[in-house]
PDB file of N, CA and C in Angstrom:
ATOM      1  N   MET A   1     -25.599 128.303  86.724  1.00  0.00           N
ATOM      2  CA  MET A   1     -26.061 129.614  87.150  1.00  0.00           C
ATOM      3  C   MET A   1     -24.841 130.501  87.457  1.00  0.00           C
ATOM      4  N   PRO A   2     -24.868 131.761  87.057  1.00  0.00           N
ATOM      5  CA  PRO A   2     -23.724 132.648  87.299  1.00  0.00           C
ATOM      6  C   PRO A   2     -23.433 132.800  88.790  1.00  0.00           C
ATOM      7  N   GLU A   3     -22.153 133.040  89.098  1.00  0.00           N
ATOM      8  CA  GLU A   3     -21.715 133.176  90.490  1.00  0.00           C
ATOM      9  C   GLU A   3     -22.458 134.297  91.215  1.00  0.00           C
ATOM     10  N   ARG A   4     -22.671 135.433  90.557  1.00  0.00           N
ATOM     11  CA  ARG A   4     -23.348 136.565  91.204  1.00  0.00           C
ATOM     12  C   ARG A   4     -24.768 136.178  91.619  1.00  0.00           C
ATOM     13  N   ASP A   5     -25.474 135.427  90.768  1.00  0.00           N
ATOM     14  CA  ASP A   5     -26.825 134.994  91.114  1.00  0.00           C
ATOM     15  C   ASP A   5     -26.809 134.117  92.360  1.00  0.00           C
ATOM     16  N   GLU A   6     -25.807 133.269  92.501  1.00  0.00           N
ATOM     17  CA  GLU A   6     -25.695 132.409  93.676  1.00  0.00           C
ATOM     18  C   GLU A   6     -25.487 133.243  94.936  1.00  0.00           C
ATOM     19  N   ARG A   7     -24.647 134.268  94.861  1.00  0.00           N
ATOM     20  CA  ARG A   7     -24.414 135.129  96.023  1.00  0.00           C
ATOM     21  C   ARG A   7     -25.689 135.873  96.394  1.00  0.00           C
ATOM     22  N   GLN A   8     -26.421 136.361  95.385  1.00  0.00           N
ATOM     23  CA  GLN A   8     -27.654 137.104  95.659  1.00  0.00           C
ATOM     24  C   GLN A   8     -28.684 136.215  96.345  1.00  0.00           C
ATOM     25  N   ARG A   9     -28.752 134.950  95.982  1.00  0.00           N
ATOM     26  CA  ARG A   9     -29.727 134.042  96.578  1.00  0.00           C
ATOM     27  C   ARG A   9     -29.540 133.950  98.091  1.00  0.00           C
ATOM     28  N   ARG A  10     -28.328 134.091  98.543  1.00  0.00           N
ATOM     29  CA  ARG A  10     -28.060 134.008  99.970  1.00  0.00           C
ATOM     30  C   ARG A  10     -28.301 135.343 100.670  1.00  0.00           C
ATOM     31  N   ARG A  11     -28.523 136.393  99.946  1.00  0.00           N
ATOM     32  CA  ARG A  11     -28.677 137.724 100.538  1.00  0.00           C
ATOM     33  C   ARG A  11     -30.116 137.943 100.996  1.00  0.00           C
ATOM     34  N   ARG A  12     -30.225 138.354 102.253  1.00  0.00           N
ATOM     35  CA  ARG A  12     -31.536 138.588 102.861  1.00  0.00           C
ATOM     36  C   ARG A  12     -31.765 140.097 102.932  1.00  0.00           C
ATOM     37  N   ILE A  13     -32.840 140.552 102.293  1.00  0.00           N
ATOM     38  CA  ILE A  13     -33.124 141.976 102.171  1.00  0.00           C
ATOM     39  C   ILE A  13     -34.395 142.326 102.941  1.00  0.00           C
ATOM     40  N   LEU A  14     -34.251 143.190 103.939  1.00  0.00           N
ATOM     41  CA  LEU A  14     -35.417 143.682 104.670  1.00  0.00           C
ATOM     42  C   LEU A  14     -36.125 144.707 103.800  1.00  0.00           C
ATOM     43  N   LEU A  15     -37.427 144.532 103.653  1.00  0.00           N
ATOM     44  CA  LEU A  15     -38.244 145.491 102.905  1.00  0.00           C
ATOM     45  C   LEU A  15     -39.240 146.124 103.866  1.00  0.00           C
ATOM     46  N   VAL A  16     -39.198 147.456 103.954  1.00  0.00           N
ATOM     47  CA  VAL A  16     -40.132 148.220 104.788  1.00  0.00           C
ATOM     48  C   VAL A  16     -40.883 149.160 103.861  1.00  0.00           C
ATOM     49  N   GLU A  17     -42.168 148.878 103.670  1.00  0.00           N
ATOM     50  CA  GLU A  17     -43.010 149.648 102.740  1.00  0.00           C
ATOM     51  C   GLU A  17     -44.455 149.488 103.178  1.00  0.00           C
ATOM     52  N   ASP A  18     -45.154 150.612 103.400  1.00  0.00           N
ATOM     53  CA  ASP A  18     -46.522 150.543 103.904  1.00  0.00           C
ATOM     54  C   ASP A  18     -47.588 150.394 102.825  1.00  0.00           C
ATOM     55  N   SER A  19     -47.258 150.607 101.578  1.00  0.00           N
ATOM     56  CA  SER A  19     -48.234 150.437 100.503  1.00  0.00           C
ATOM     57  C   SER A  19     -48.206 148.979 100.026  1.00  0.00           C
ATOM     58  N   PRO A  20     -49.320 148.259 100.176  1.00  0.00           N
ATOM     59  CA  PRO A  20     -49.340 146.855  99.750  1.00  0.00           C
ATOM     60  C   PRO A  20     -48.987 146.672  98.267  1.00  0.00           C
ATOM     61  N   VAL A  21     -49.449 147.560  97.416  1.00  0.00           N
ATOM     62  CA  VAL A  21     -49.177 147.436  95.981  1.00  0.00           C
ATOM     63  C   VAL A  21     -47.687 147.614  95.694  1.00  0.00           C
ATOM     64  N   ILE A  22     -47.094 148.661  96.255  1.00  0.00           N
ATOM     65  CA  ILE A  22     -45.670 148.921  96.039  1.00  0.00           C
ATOM     66  C   ILE A  22     -44.832 147.832  96.700  1.00  0.00           C
ATOM     67  N   SER A  23     -45.240 147.404  97.878  1.00  0.00           N
ATOM     68  CA  SER A  23     -44.521 146.363  98.599  1.00  0.00           C
ATOM     69  C   SER A  23     -44.478 145.065  97.788  1.00  0.00           C
ATOM     70  N   LEU A  24     -45.625 144.658  97.272  1.00  0.00           N
ATOM     71  CA  LEU A  24     -45.697 143.429  96.483  1.00  0.00           C
ATOM     72  C   LEU A  24     -44.839 143.528  95.227  1.00  0.00           C
ATOM     73  N   ARG A  25     -44.927 144.662  94.549  1.00  0.00           N
ATOM     74  CA  ARG A  25     -44.135 144.857  93.328  1.00  0.00           C
ATOM     75  C   ARG A  25     -42.634 144.845  93.631  1.00  0.00           C
ATOM     76  N   THR A  26     -42.240 145.516  94.699  1.00  0.00           N
ATOM     77  CA  THR A  26     -40.821 145.573  95.080  1.00  0.00           C
ATOM     78  C   THR A  26     -40.333 144.193  95.508  1.00  0.00           C
ATOM     79  N   GLU A  27     -41.139 143.500  96.278  1.00  0.00           N
ATOM     80  CA  GLU A  27     -40.788 142.137  96.700  1.00  0.00           C
ATOM     81  C   GLU A  27     -40.592 141.236  95.485  1.00  0.00           C
ATOM     82  N   ASP A  28     -41.495 141.330  94.520  1.00  0.00           N
ATOM     83  CA  ASP A  28     -41.368 140.536  93.291  1.00  0.00           C
ATOM     84  C   ASP A  28     -40.078 140.860  92.544  1.00  0.00           C
ATOM     85  N   MET A  29     -39.735 142.142  92.450  1.00  0.00           N
ATOM     86  CA  MET A  29     -38.503 142.540  91.756  1.00  0.00           C
ATOM     87  C   MET A  29     -37.275 141.946  92.449  1.00  0.00           C
ATOM     88  N   LEU A  30     -37.253 142.031  93.770  1.00  0.00           N
ATOM     89  CA  LEU A  30     -36.116 141.504  94.526  1.00  0.00           C
ATOM     90  C   LEU A  30     -36.039 139.976  94.431  1.00  0.00           C
ATOM     91  N   THR A  31     -37.177 139.328  94.564  1.00  0.00           N
ATOM     92  CA  THR A  31     -37.225 137.867  94.480  1.00  0.00           C
ATOM     93  C   THR A  31     -36.815 137.388  93.095  1.00  0.00           C
ATOM     94  N   ASP A  32     -37.308 138.060  92.056  1.00  0.00           N
ATOM     95  CA  ASP A  32     -36.944 137.702  90.677  1.00  0.00           C
ATOM     96  C   ASP A  32     -35.449 137.828  90.441  1.00  0.00           C
ATOM     97  N   ALA A  33     -34.801 138.741  91.178  1.00  0.00           N
ATOM     98  CA  ALA A  33     -33.354 138.944  91.042  1.00  0.00           C
ATOM     99  C   ALA A  33     -32.563 137.950  91.903  1.00  0.00           C
ATOM    100  N   GLY A  34     -33.271 137.112  92.654  1.00  0.00           N
ATOM    101  CA  GLY A  34     -32.605 136.082  93.432  1.00  0.00           C
ATOM    102  C   GLY A  34     -32.390 136.391  94.894  1.00  0.00           C
ATOM    103  N   PHE A  35     -32.923 137.503  95.384  1.00  0.00           N
ATOM    104  CA  PHE A  35     -32.786 137.848  96.796  1.00  0.00           C
ATOM    105  C   PHE A  35     -33.896 137.184  97.606  1.00  0.00           C
ATOM    106  N   PHE A  36     -33.660 137.015  98.899  1.00  0.00           N
ATOM    107  CA  PHE A  36     -34.685 136.556  99.832  1.00  0.00           C
ATOM    108  C   PHE A  36     -35.196 137.787 100.573  1.00  0.00           C
ATOM    109  N   VAL A  37     -36.497 138.029 100.525  1.00  0.00           N
ATOM    110  CA  VAL A  37     -37.081 139.216 101.147  1.00  0.00           C
ATOM    111  C   VAL A  37     -37.520 138.895 102.575  1.00  0.00           C
ATOM    112  N   VAL A  38     -37.013 139.677 103.514  1.00  0.00           N
ATOM    113  CA  VAL A  38     -37.425 139.603 104.909  1.00  0.00           C
ATOM    114  C   VAL A  38     -38.543 140.626 105.068  1.00  0.00           C
ATOM    115  N   GLY A  39     -39.675 140.171 105.557  1.00  0.00           N
ATOM    116  CA  GLY A  39     -40.851 141.025 105.637  1.00  0.00           C
ATOM    117  C   GLY A  39     -41.765 140.700 104.468  1.00  0.00           C
ATOM    118  N   PRO A  40     -42.334 141.675 103.882  1.00  0.00           N
ATOM    119  CA  PRO A  40     -42.187 143.107 104.111  1.00  0.00           C
ATOM    120  C   PRO A  40     -42.862 143.554 105.410  1.00  0.00           C
ATOM    121  N   ALA A  41     -42.326 144.624 105.964  1.00  0.00           N
ATOM    122  CA  ALA A  41     -42.905 145.247 107.142  1.00  0.00           C
ATOM    123  C   ALA A  41     -43.782 146.397 106.673  1.00  0.00           C
ATOM    124  N   PHE A  42     -45.011 146.440 107.200  1.00  0.00           N
ATOM    125  CA  PHE A  42     -45.974 147.458 106.785  1.00  0.00           C
ATOM    126  C   PHE A  42     -46.127 148.592 107.790  1.00  0.00           C
ATOM    127  N   ASP A  43     -45.511 148.459 108.981  1.00  0.00           N
ATOM    128  CA  ASP A  43     -45.572 149.534 109.970  1.00  0.00           C
ATOM    129  C   ASP A  43     -44.250 149.596 110.735  1.00  0.00           C
ATOM    130  N   ILE A  44     -44.074 150.650 111.502  1.00  0.00           N
ATOM    131  CA  ILE A  44     -42.808 150.888 112.200  1.00  0.00           C
ATOM    132  C   ILE A  44     -42.521 149.792 113.227  1.00  0.00           C
ATOM    133  N   LYS A  45     -43.526 149.380 113.987  1.00  0.00           N
ATOM    134  CA  LYS A  45     -43.302 148.341 115.002  1.00  0.00           C
ATOM    135  C   LYS A  45     -42.781 147.059 114.367  1.00  0.00           C
ATOM    136  N   GLN A  46     -43.436 146.616 113.328  1.00  0.00           N
ATOM    137  CA  GLN A  46     -43.007 145.392 112.647  1.00  0.00           C
ATOM    138  C   GLN A  46     -41.607 145.583 112.054  1.00  0.00           C
ATOM    139  N   ALA A  47     -41.352 146.736 111.475  1.00  0.00           N
ATOM    140  CA  ALA A  47     -40.040 147.021 110.894  1.00  0.00           C
ATOM    141  C   ALA A  47     -38.953 146.993 111.969  1.00  0.00           C
ATOM    142  N   LEU A  48     -39.232 147.577 113.131  1.00  0.00           N
ATOM    143  CA  LEU A  48     -38.267 147.567 114.230  1.00  0.00           C
ATOM    144  C   LEU A  48     -37.988 146.150 114.715  1.00  0.00           C
ATOM    145  N   ASP A  49     -39.038 145.356 114.864  1.00  0.00           N
ATOM    146  CA  ASP A  49     -38.859 143.962 115.297  1.00  0.00           C
ATOM    147  C   ASP A  49     -37.957 143.204 114.329  1.00  0.00           C
ATOM    148  N   LEU A  50     -38.220 143.350 113.033  1.00  0.00           N
ATOM    149  CA  LEU A  50     -37.411 142.656 112.028  1.00  0.00           C
ATOM    150  C   LEU A  50     -35.989 143.200 111.988  1.00  0.00           C
ATOM    151  N   ALA A  51     -35.854 144.518 112.076  1.00  0.00           N
ATOM    152  CA  ALA A  51     -34.527 145.147 112.021  1.00  0.00           C
ATOM    153  C   ALA A  51     -33.666 144.728 113.212  1.00  0.00           C
ATOM    154  N   LYS A  52     -34.289 144.515 114.365  1.00  0.00           N
ATOM    155  CA  LYS A  52     -33.549 144.135 115.573  1.00  0.00           C
ATOM    156  C   LYS A  52     -33.200 142.653 115.614  1.00  0.00           C
ATOM    157  N   ASP A  53     -34.104 141.807 115.108  1.00  0.00           N
ATOM    158  CA  ASP A  53     -33.995 140.372 115.372  1.00  0.00           C
ATOM    159  C   ASP A  53     -33.610 139.489 114.191  1.00  0.00           C
ATOM    160  N   GLU A  54     -33.836 139.942 112.982  1.00  0.00           N
ATOM    161  CA  GLU A  54     -33.627 139.075 111.819  1.00  0.00           C
ATOM    162  C   GLU A  54     -32.202 139.145 111.271  1.00  0.00           C
ATOM    163  N   LEU A  55     -31.810 138.082 110.631  1.00  0.00           N
ATOM    164  CA  LEU A  55     -30.560 138.060 109.878  1.00  0.00           C
ATOM    165  C   LEU A  55     -30.832 138.815 108.578  1.00  0.00           C
ATOM    166  N   ILE A  56     -30.122 139.928 108.387  1.00  0.00           N
ATOM    167  CA  ILE A  56     -30.358 140.811 107.239  1.00  0.00           C
ATOM    168  C   ILE A  56     -29.017 141.225 106.656  1.00  0.00           C
ATOM    169  N   ASP A  57     -28.924 141.205 105.324  1.00  0.00           N
ATOM    170  CA  ASP A  57     -27.704 141.650 104.650  1.00  0.00           C
ATOM    171  C   ASP A  57     -27.798 143.103 104.195  1.00  0.00           C
ATOM    172  N   ALA A  58     -29.012 143.566 103.901  1.00  0.00           N
ATOM    173  CA  ALA A  58     -29.246 144.934 103.450  1.00  0.00           C
ATOM    174  C   ALA A  58     -30.739 145.206 103.592  1.00  0.00           C
ATOM    175  N   ALA A  59     -31.125 146.470 103.380  1.00  0.00           N
ATOM    176  CA  ALA A  59     -32.535 146.820 103.537  1.00  0.00           C
ATOM    177  C   ALA A  59     -32.951 147.918 102.569  1.00  0.00           C
ATOM    178  N   VAL A  60     -34.242 147.897 102.235  1.00  0.00           N
ATOM    179  CA  VAL A  60     -34.897 148.945 101.455  1.00  0.00           C
ATOM    180  C   VAL A  60     -35.965 149.509 102.391  1.00  0.00           C
ATOM    181  N   ILE A  61     -35.802 150.781 102.785  1.00  0.00           N
ATOM    182  CA  ILE A  61     -36.649 151.385 103.815  1.00  0.00           C
ATOM    183  C   ILE A  61     -37.399 152.586 103.264  1.00  0.00           C
ATOM    184  N   ASP A  62     -38.722 152.508 103.268  1.00  0.00           N
ATOM    185  CA  ASP A  62     -39.537 153.664 102.889  1.00  0.00           C
ATOM    186  C   ASP A  62     -39.351 154.745 103.947  1.00  0.00           C
ATOM    187  N   LEU A  63     -39.153 155.973 103.508  1.00  0.00           N
ATOM    188  CA  LEU A  63     -38.906 157.094 104.411  1.00  0.00           C
ATOM    189  C   LEU A  63     -40.120 157.398 105.289  1.00  0.00           C
ATOM    190  N   ASN A  64     -41.324 157.281 104.721  1.00  0.00           N
ATOM    191  CA  ASN A  64     -42.561 157.588 105.443  1.00  0.00           C
ATOM    192  C   ASN A  64     -43.412 156.331 105.545  1.00  0.00           C
ATOM    193  N   ILE A  65     -43.607 155.865 106.766  1.00  0.00           N
ATOM    194  CA  ILE A  65     -44.430 154.683 107.009  1.00  0.00           C
ATOM    195  C   ILE A  65     -45.659 155.098 107.793  1.00  0.00           C
ATOM    196  N   ARG A  66     -46.796 155.052 107.142  1.00  0.00           N
ATOM    197  CA  ARG A  66     -48.077 155.410 107.775  1.00  0.00           C
ATOM    198  C   ARG A  66     -48.008 156.752 108.511  1.00  0.00           C
ATOM    199  N   GLY A  67     -47.409 157.739 107.846  1.00  0.00           N
ATOM    200  CA  GLY A  67     -47.326 159.084 108.401  1.00  0.00           C
ATOM    201  C   GLY A  67     -46.198 159.298 109.388  1.00  0.00           C
ATOM    202  N   GLU A  68     -45.383 158.286 109.597  1.00  0.00           N
ATOM    203  CA  GLU A  68     -44.278 158.373 110.557  1.00  0.00           C
ATOM    204  C   GLU A  68     -42.953 158.175 109.815  1.00  0.00           C
ATOM    205  N   LYS A  69     -41.958 158.991 110.124  1.00  0.00           N
ATOM    206  CA  LYS A  69     -40.637 158.827 109.518  1.00  0.00           C
ATOM    207  C   LYS A  69     -39.996 157.548 110.070  1.00  0.00           C
ATOM    208  N   SER A  70     -39.236 156.863 109.245  1.00  0.00           N
ATOM    209  CA  SER A  70     -38.650 155.565 109.625  1.00  0.00           C
ATOM    210  C   SER A  70     -37.232 155.688 110.177  1.00  0.00           C
ATOM    211  N   PHE A  71     -36.907 156.819 110.785  1.00  0.00           N
ATOM    212  CA  PHE A  71     -35.556 157.054 111.294  1.00  0.00           C
ATOM    213  C   PHE A  71     -35.141 156.069 112.381  1.00  0.00           C
ATOM    214  N   GLU A  72     -36.076 155.661 113.227  1.00  0.00           N
ATOM    215  CA  GLU A  72     -35.740 154.712 114.299  1.00  0.00           C
ATOM    216  C   GLU A  72     -35.301 153.370 113.708  1.00  0.00           C
ATOM    217  N   VAL A  73     -35.956 152.949 112.645  1.00  0.00           N
ATOM    218  CA  VAL A  73     -35.579 151.704 111.959  1.00  0.00           C
ATOM    219  C   VAL A  73     -34.178 151.859 111.365  1.00  0.00           C
ATOM    220  N   MET A  74     -33.931 153.006 110.743  1.00  0.00           N
ATOM    221  CA  MET A  74     -32.620 153.266 110.155  1.00  0.00           C
ATOM    222  C   MET A  74     -31.532 153.250 111.227  1.00  0.00           C
ATOM    223  N   SER A  75     -31.821 153.803 112.400  1.00  0.00           N
ATOM    224  CA  SER A  75     -30.850 153.816 113.494  1.00  0.00           C
ATOM    225  C   SER A  75     -30.507 152.402 113.956  1.00  0.00           C
ATOM    226  N   VAL A  76     -31.515 151.549 114.053  1.00  0.00           N
ATOM    227  CA  VAL A  76     -31.281 150.154 114.443  1.00  0.00           C
ATOM    228  C   VAL A  76     -30.375 149.471 113.417  1.00  0.00           C
ATOM    229  N   LEU A  77     -30.676 149.666 112.150  1.00  0.00           N
ATOM    230  CA  LEU A  77     -29.851 149.069 111.101  1.00  0.00           C
ATOM    231  C   LEU A  77     -28.431 149.620 111.144  1.00  0.00           C
ATOM    232  N   ASP A  78     -28.322 150.922 111.385  1.00  0.00           N
ATOM    233  CA  ASP A  78     -27.009 151.563 111.493  1.00  0.00           C
ATOM    234  C   ASP A  78     -26.180 150.931 112.616  1.00  0.00           C
ATOM    235  N   LYS A  79     -26.798 150.751 113.767  1.00  0.00           N
ATOM    236  CA  LYS A  79     -26.101 150.155 114.913  1.00  0.00           C
ATOM    237  C   LYS A  79     -25.655 148.729 114.611  1.00  0.00           C
ATOM    238  N   ARG A  80     -26.444 148.027 113.822  1.00  0.00           N
ATOM    239  CA  ARG A  80     -26.087 146.647 113.448  1.00  0.00           C
ATOM    240  C   ARG A  80     -25.158 146.606 112.229  1.00  0.00           C
ATOM    241  N   GLU A  81     -24.826 147.791 111.700  1.00  0.00           N
ATOM    242  CA  GLU A  81     -23.958 147.919 110.525  1.00  0.00           C
ATOM    243  C   GLU A  81     -24.541 147.196 109.304  1.00  0.00           C
ATOM    244  N   ILE A  82     -25.861 147.333 109.151  1.00  0.00           N
ATOM    245  CA  ILE A  82     -26.565 146.773 108.000  1.00  0.00           C
ATOM    246  C   ILE A  82     -26.817 147.909 107.011  1.00  0.00           C
ATOM    247  N   PRO A  83     -26.292 147.800 105.797  1.00  0.00           N
ATOM    248  CA  PRO A  83     -26.492 148.864 104.816  1.00  0.00           C
ATOM    249  C   PRO A  83     -27.950 148.919 104.345  1.00  0.00           C
ATOM    250  N   PHE A  84     -28.387 150.125 103.981  1.00  0.00           N
ATOM    251  CA  PHE A  84     -29.759 150.277 103.493  1.00  0.00           C
ATOM    252  C   PHE A  84     -29.859 151.417 102.500  1.00  0.00           C
ATOM    253  N   THR A  85     -30.910 151.348 101.697  1.00  0.00           N
ATOM    254  CA  THR A  85     -31.268 152.440 100.809  1.00  0.00           C
ATOM    255  C   THR A  85     -32.613 152.983 101.271  1.00  0.00           C
ATOM    256  N   ILE A  86     -32.802 154.268 101.065  1.00  0.00           N
ATOM    257  CA  ILE A  86     -34.027 154.932 101.488  1.00  0.00           C
ATOM    258  C   ILE A  86     -34.916 155.136 100.264  1.00  0.00           C
ATOM    259  N   LEU A  87     -36.182 154.830 100.431  1.00  0.00           N
ATOM    260  CA  LEU A  87     -37.160 154.896  99.354  1.00  0.00           C
ATOM    261  C   LEU A  87     -38.211 155.948  99.686  1.00  0.00           C
ATOM    262  N   SER A  88     -38.576 156.771  98.689  1.00  0.00           N
ATOM    263  CA  SER A  88     -39.636 157.747  98.932  1.00  0.00           C
ATOM    264  C   SER A  88     -40.318 158.158  97.629  1.00  0.00           C
ATOM    265  N   GLY A  89     -41.578 158.468  97.756  1.00  0.00           N
ATOM    266  CA  GLY A  89     -42.338 159.000  96.638  1.00  0.00           C
ATOM    267  C   GLY A  89     -42.577 160.490  96.783  1.00  0.00           C
ATOM    268  N   TYR A  90     -42.020 161.078  97.846  1.00  0.00           N
ATOM    269  CA  TYR A  90     -42.200 162.496  98.124  1.00  0.00           C
ATOM    270  C   TYR A  90     -40.954 163.289  97.742  1.00  0.00           C
ATOM    271  N   ALA A  91     -41.154 164.557  97.460  1.00  0.00           N
ATOM    272  CA  ALA A  91     -40.030 165.424  97.103  1.00  0.00           C
ATOM    273  C   ALA A  91     -39.218 165.821  98.334  1.00  0.00           C
ATOM    274  N   ASP A  92     -39.827 165.763  99.519  1.00  0.00           N
ATOM    275  CA  ASP A  92     -39.151 166.169 100.755  1.00  0.00           C
ATOM    276  C   ASP A  92     -38.292 165.025 101.295  1.00  0.00           C
ATOM    277  N   TRP A  93     -36.988 165.184 101.177  1.00  0.00           N
ATOM    278  CA  TRP A  93     -36.032 164.180 101.663  1.00  0.00           C
ATOM    279  C   TRP A  93     -35.387 164.639 102.968  1.00  0.00           C
ATOM    280  N   THR A  94     -36.045 165.529 103.716  1.00  0.00           N
ATOM    281  CA  THR A  94     -35.482 166.040 104.953  1.00  0.00           C
ATOM    282  C   THR A  94     -35.296 164.902 105.943  1.00  0.00           C
ATOM    283  N   MET A  95     -34.057 164.803 106.468  1.00  0.00           N
ATOM    284  CA  MET A  95     -33.760 163.740 107.417  1.00  0.00           C
ATOM    285  C   MET A  95     -32.535 164.108 108.237  1.00  0.00           C
ATOM    286  N   PRO A  96     -32.300 163.369 109.318  1.00  0.00           N
ATOM    287  CA  PRO A  96     -31.106 163.621 110.120  1.00  0.00           C
ATOM    288  C   PRO A  96     -29.832 163.493 109.282  1.00  0.00           C
ATOM    289  N   GLU A  97     -28.859 164.279 109.641  1.00  0.00           N
ATOM    290  CA  GLU A  97     -27.605 164.358 108.890  1.00  0.00           C
ATOM    291  C   GLU A  97     -26.939 163.001 108.678  1.00  0.00           C
ATOM    292  N   GLU A  98     -27.012 162.110 109.671  1.00  0.00           N
ATOM    293  CA  GLU A  98     -26.324 160.824 109.542  1.00  0.00           C
ATOM    294  C   GLU A  98     -26.892 159.943 108.435  1.00  0.00           C
ATOM    295  N   PHE A  99     -28.114 160.218 108.003  1.00  0.00           N
ATOM    296  CA  PHE A  99     -28.719 159.408 106.948  1.00  0.00           C
ATOM    297  C   PHE A  99     -28.618 160.060 105.568  1.00  0.00           C
ATOM    298  N   GLU A 100     -28.181 161.317 105.528  1.00  0.00           N
ATOM    299  CA  GLU A 100     -28.073 162.057 104.263  1.00  0.00           C
ATOM    300  C   GLU A 100     -27.271 161.329 103.180  1.00  0.00           C
ATOM    301  N   PRO A 101     -26.117 160.715 103.518  1.00  0.00           N
ATOM    302  CA  PRO A 101     -25.310 160.092 102.457  1.00  0.00           C
ATOM    303  C   PRO A 101     -25.852 158.748 101.944  1.00  0.00           C
ATOM    304  N   ARG A 102     -26.896 158.232 102.548  1.00  0.00           N
ATOM    305  CA  ARG A 102     -27.425 156.919 102.135  1.00  0.00           C
ATOM    306  C   ARG A 102     -27.965 156.969 100.717  1.00  0.00           C
ATOM    307  N   PRO A 103     -27.849 155.838 100.009  1.00  0.00           N
ATOM    308  CA  PRO A 103     -28.436 155.796  98.664  1.00  0.00           C
ATOM    309  C   PRO A 103     -29.954 155.989  98.753  1.00  0.00           C
ATOM    310  N   ARG A 104     -30.507 156.555  97.687  1.00  0.00           N
ATOM    311  CA  ARG A 104     -31.945 156.837  97.658  1.00  0.00           C
ATOM    312  C   ARG A 104     -32.563 156.312  96.378  1.00  0.00           C
ATOM    313  N   LEU A 105     -33.777 155.845  96.506  1.00  0.00           N
ATOM    314  CA  LEU A 105     -34.563 155.416  95.358  1.00  0.00           C
ATOM    315  C   LEU A 105     -35.895 156.152  95.414  1.00  0.00           C
ATOM    316  N   THR A 106     -36.404 156.507  94.250  1.00  0.00           N
ATOM    317  CA  THR A 106     -37.685 157.202  94.201  1.00  0.00           C
ATOM    318  C   THR A 106     -38.773 156.285  93.655  1.00  0.00           C
ATOM    319  N   LYS A 107     -39.998 156.602  94.056  1.00  0.00           N
ATOM    320  CA  LYS A 107     -41.166 155.890  93.531  1.00  0.00           C
ATOM    321  C   LYS A 107     -41.700 156.670  92.346  1.00  0.00           C
ATOM    322  N   PRO A 108     -42.162 156.040  91.311  1.00  0.00           N
ATOM    323  CA  PRO A 108     -42.180 154.596  91.122  1.00  0.00           C
ATOM    324  C   PRO A 108     -40.769 154.039  90.991  1.00  0.00           C
ATOM    325  N   ILE A 109     -40.595 152.828  91.495  1.00  0.00           N
ATOM    326  CA  ILE A 109     -39.272 152.216  91.567  1.00  0.00           C
ATOM    327  C   ILE A 109     -38.848 151.692  90.203  1.00  0.00           C
ATOM    328  N   ASP A 110     -37.640 152.057  89.816  1.00  0.00           N
ATOM    329  CA  ASP A 110     -37.028 151.533  88.602  1.00  0.00           C
ATOM    330  C   ASP A 110     -36.351 150.211  88.973  1.00  0.00           C
ATOM    331  N   LYS A 111     -36.773 149.124  88.334  1.00  0.00           N
ATOM    332  CA  LYS A 111     -36.286 147.790  88.685  1.00  0.00           C
ATOM    333  C   LYS A 111     -34.764 147.687  88.570  1.00  0.00           C
ATOM    334  N   GLU A 112     -34.206 148.174  87.489  1.00  0.00           N
ATOM    335  CA  GLU A 112     -32.754 148.070  87.299  1.00  0.00           C
ATOM    336  C   GLU A 112     -32.000 148.836  88.382  1.00  0.00           C
ATOM    337  N   LYS A 113     -32.465 150.021  88.711  1.00  0.00           N
ATOM    338  CA  LYS A 113     -31.816 150.830  89.749  1.00  0.00           C
ATOM    339  C   LYS A 113     -31.943 150.140  91.115  1.00  0.00           C
ATOM    340  N   LEU A 114     -33.111 149.574  91.409  1.00  0.00           N
ATOM    341  CA  LEU A 114     -33.325 148.858  92.660  1.00  0.00           C
ATOM    342  C   LEU A 114     -32.339 147.695  92.787  1.00  0.00           C
ATOM    343  N   ILE A 115     -32.270 146.860  91.765  1.00  0.00           N
ATOM    344  CA  ILE A 115     -31.407 145.672  91.809  1.00  0.00           C
ATOM    345  C   ILE A 115     -29.938 146.083  91.875  1.00  0.00           C
ATOM    346  N   GLU A 116     -29.582 147.091  91.135  1.00  0.00           N
ATOM    347  CA  GLU A 116     -28.186 147.579  91.153  1.00  0.00           C
ATOM    348  C   GLU A 116     -27.828 148.090  92.557  1.00  0.00           C
ATOM    349  N   THR A 117     -28.692 148.895  93.138  1.00  0.00           N
ATOM    350  CA  THR A 117     -28.430 149.467  94.461  1.00  0.00           C
ATOM    351  C   THR A 117     -28.357 148.383  95.536  1.00  0.00           C
ATOM    352  N   VAL A 118     -29.338 147.484  95.547  1.00  0.00           N
ATOM    353  CA  VAL A 118     -29.369 146.423  96.554  1.00  0.00           C
ATOM    354  C   VAL A 118     -28.196 145.475  96.371  1.00  0.00           C
ATOM    355  N   SER A 119     -27.824 145.183  95.142  1.00  0.00           N
ATOM    356  CA  SER A 119     -26.675 144.312  94.881  1.00  0.00           C
ATOM    357  C   SER A 119     -25.395 144.904  95.463  1.00  0.00           C
ATOM    358  N   LEU A 120     -25.205 146.206  95.275  1.00  0.00           N
ATOM    359  CA  LEU A 120     -24.020 146.872  95.823  1.00  0.00           C
ATOM    360  C   LEU A 120     -24.042 146.868  97.357  1.00  0.00           C
ATOM    361  N   LEU A 121     -25.195 147.100  97.943  1.00  0.00           N
ATOM    362  CA  LEU A 121     -25.305 147.128  99.394  1.00  0.00           C
ATOM    363  C   LEU A 121     -25.077 145.746 100.011  1.00  0.00           C
ATOM    364  N   ALA A 122     -25.605 144.729  99.376  1.00  0.00           N
ATOM    365  CA  ALA A 122     -25.571 143.376  99.942  1.00  0.00           C
ATOM    366  C   ALA A 122     -24.275 142.622  99.645  1.00  0.00           C
ATOM    367  N   ASP A 123     -23.422 143.183  98.801  1.00  0.00           N
ATOM    368  CA  ASP A 123     -22.160 142.507  98.456  1.00  0.00           C
ATOM    369  C   ASP A 123     -21.191 142.468  99.601  1.00  0.00           C
TER     370      ASP A 123
END
């Protein structure tokens, strides 16, 4: 097995996504690429618990979780120095300035872009 695949297998990726269909599809894409998915978290409380307590190498965070912005989750990850990408299906990417430079992915998720982005974050 290639060396990169071995490194990815050890990488734990937090997934925060409130849509069960998108969450399952994204989890499958990450798992197929050799990552271990933490979660997925379907609401802010669960996402915060995982972000605070779990061993995580990187994260994929939906911008809007059940009508609530996921900035608090992003702040927790920031404090722990865990890199993340922001995911959204909406055109409005309005967010606090500190999160502006973060990588972004749009829905529907492009598998190659997802794996490329997460691989760079988790390296």
